[in-house]
Amino acid sequence: MASSSSSLKRSIDNVEVSKENISPKKRINLELTSFQLKIVDIFNNVDLTTPTELL
């Protein structure tokens, strides 16, 4: 049982490393989808900082 949990931990570590290898430009899609635009509108309506401004 211990060996399977350690292999699971290894695979999780591998996933985290692969995420770090992705360049920020590829990770963040600069084109906002209509869903994201609705969220930005909601934030603007209540006068809060939009999530895209925080990046």
C-alpha atoms as a PDB file:
ATOM      1  CA  MET A   1       0.000   0.000   0.000  1.00  0.00           C
ATOM      2  CA  ALA A   2       2.835   2.391   0.800  1.00  0.00           C
ATOM      3  CA  SER A   3       4.403   1.954  -2.621  1.00  0.00           C
ATOM      4  CA  SER A   4       1.207   2.967  -4.423  1.00  0.00           C
ATOM      5  CA  SER A   5       0.849   6.132  -2.345  1.00  0.00           C
ATOM      6  CA  SER A   6       4.458   7.113  -2.995  1.00  0.00           C
ATOM      7  CA  SER A   7       4.018   6.589  -6.738  1.00  0.00           C
ATOM      8  CA  LEU A   8       0.865   8.725  -6.580  1.00  0.00           C
ATOM      9  CA  LYS A   9       2.831  11.465  -4.845  1.00  0.00           C
ATOM     10  CA  ARG A  10       5.507  11.239  -7.536  1.00  0.00           C
ATOM     11  CA  SER A  11       2.913  11.652 -10.279  1.00  0.00           C
ATOM     12  CA  ILE A  12       1.420  14.671  -8.482  1.00  0.00           C
ATOM     13  CA  ASP A  13       4.900  16.210  -8.236  1.00  0.00           C
ATOM     14  CA  ASN A  14       5.392  15.605 -11.953  1.00  0.00           C
ATOM     15  CA  VAL A  15       2.141  17.424 -12.743  1.00  0.00           C
ATOM     16  CA  GLU A  16       3.181  20.415 -10.626  1.00  0.00           C
ATOM     17  CA  VAL A  17       6.570  20.575 -12.342  1.00  0.00           C
ATOM     18  CA  SER A  18       4.982  20.419 -15.793  1.00  0.00           C
ATOM     19  CA  LYS A  19       2.700  23.341 -14.904  1.00  0.00           C
ATOM     20  CA  GLU A  20       5.745  25.409 -13.944  1.00  0.00           C
ATOM     21  CA  ASN A  21       7.372  24.645 -17.290  1.00  0.00           C
ATOM     22  CA  ILE A  22       4.496  26.225 -19.213  1.00  0.00           C
ATOM     23  CA  SER A  23       5.319  29.826 -20.047  1.00  0.00           C
ATOM     24  CA  PRO A  24       2.957  32.447 -18.555  1.00  0.00           C
ATOM     25  CA  LYS A  25       2.002  33.604 -22.043  1.00  0.00           C
ATOM     26  CA  LYS A  26       0.669  30.150 -22.872  1.00  0.00           C
ATOM     27  CA  ARG A  27      -1.016  29.733 -19.505  1.00  0.00           C
ATOM     28  CA  ILE A  28      -2.999  32.971 -19.665  1.00  0.00           C
ATOM     29  CA  ASN A  29      -5.276  33.257 -22.656  1.00  0.00           C
ATOM     30  CA  LEU A  30      -5.297  36.961 -23.506  1.00  0.00           C
ATOM     31  CA  GLU A  31      -8.594  36.794 -25.391  1.00  0.00           C
ATOM     32  CA  LEU A  32     -11.469  37.041 -22.945  1.00  0.00           C
ATOM     33  CA  THR A  33     -14.367  34.695 -23.535  1.00  0.00           C
ATOM     34  CA  SER A  34     -17.917  36.010 -23.302  1.00  0.00           C
ATOM     35  CA  PHE A  35     -18.205  34.326 -19.902  1.00  0.00           C
ATOM     36  CA  GLN A  36     -15.097  36.129 -18.657  1.00  0.00           C
ATOM     37  CA  LEU A  37     -16.386  39.408 -20.078  1.00  0.00           C
ATOM     38  CA  LYS A  38     -19.623  38.954 -18.101  1.00  0.00           C
ATOM     39  CA  ILE A  39     -17.594  38.437 -14.936  1.00  0.00           C
ATOM     40  CA  VAL A  40     -15.526  41.559 -15.691  1.00  0.00           C
ATOM     41  CA  ASP A  41     -18.759  43.513 -16.219  1.00  0.00           C
ATOM     42  CA  ILE A  42     -20.091  42.290 -12.872  1.00  0.00           C
ATOM     43  CA  PHE A  43     -16.887  43.381 -11.141  1.00  0.00           C
ATOM     44  CA  ASN A  44     -17.007  46.760 -12.870  1.00  0.00           C
ATOM     45  CA  ASN A  45     -20.651  47.253 -11.906  1.00  0.00           C
ATOM     46  CA  VAL A  46     -19.857  46.843  -8.220  1.00  0.00           C
ATOM     47  CA  ASP A  47     -16.686  48.917  -8.596  1.00  0.00           C
ATOM     48  CA  LEU A  48     -14.203  46.202  -7.675  1.00  0.00           C
ATOM     49  CA  THR A  49     -10.833  45.423  -9.183  1.00  0.00           C
ATOM     50  CA  THR A  50     -11.281  42.886 -11.963  1.00  0.00           C
ATOM     51  CA  PRO A  51      -9.333  39.624 -11.743  1.00  0.00           C
ATOM     52  CA  THR A  52      -7.500  40.456 -14.984  1.00  0.00           C
ATOM     53  CA  GLU A  53      -6.138  43.654 -13.432  1.00  0.00           C
ATOM     54  CA  LEU A  54      -4.695  41.633 -10.568  1.00  0.00           C
ATOM     55  CA  LEU A  55      -2.533  39.527 -12.895  1.00  0.00           C
END
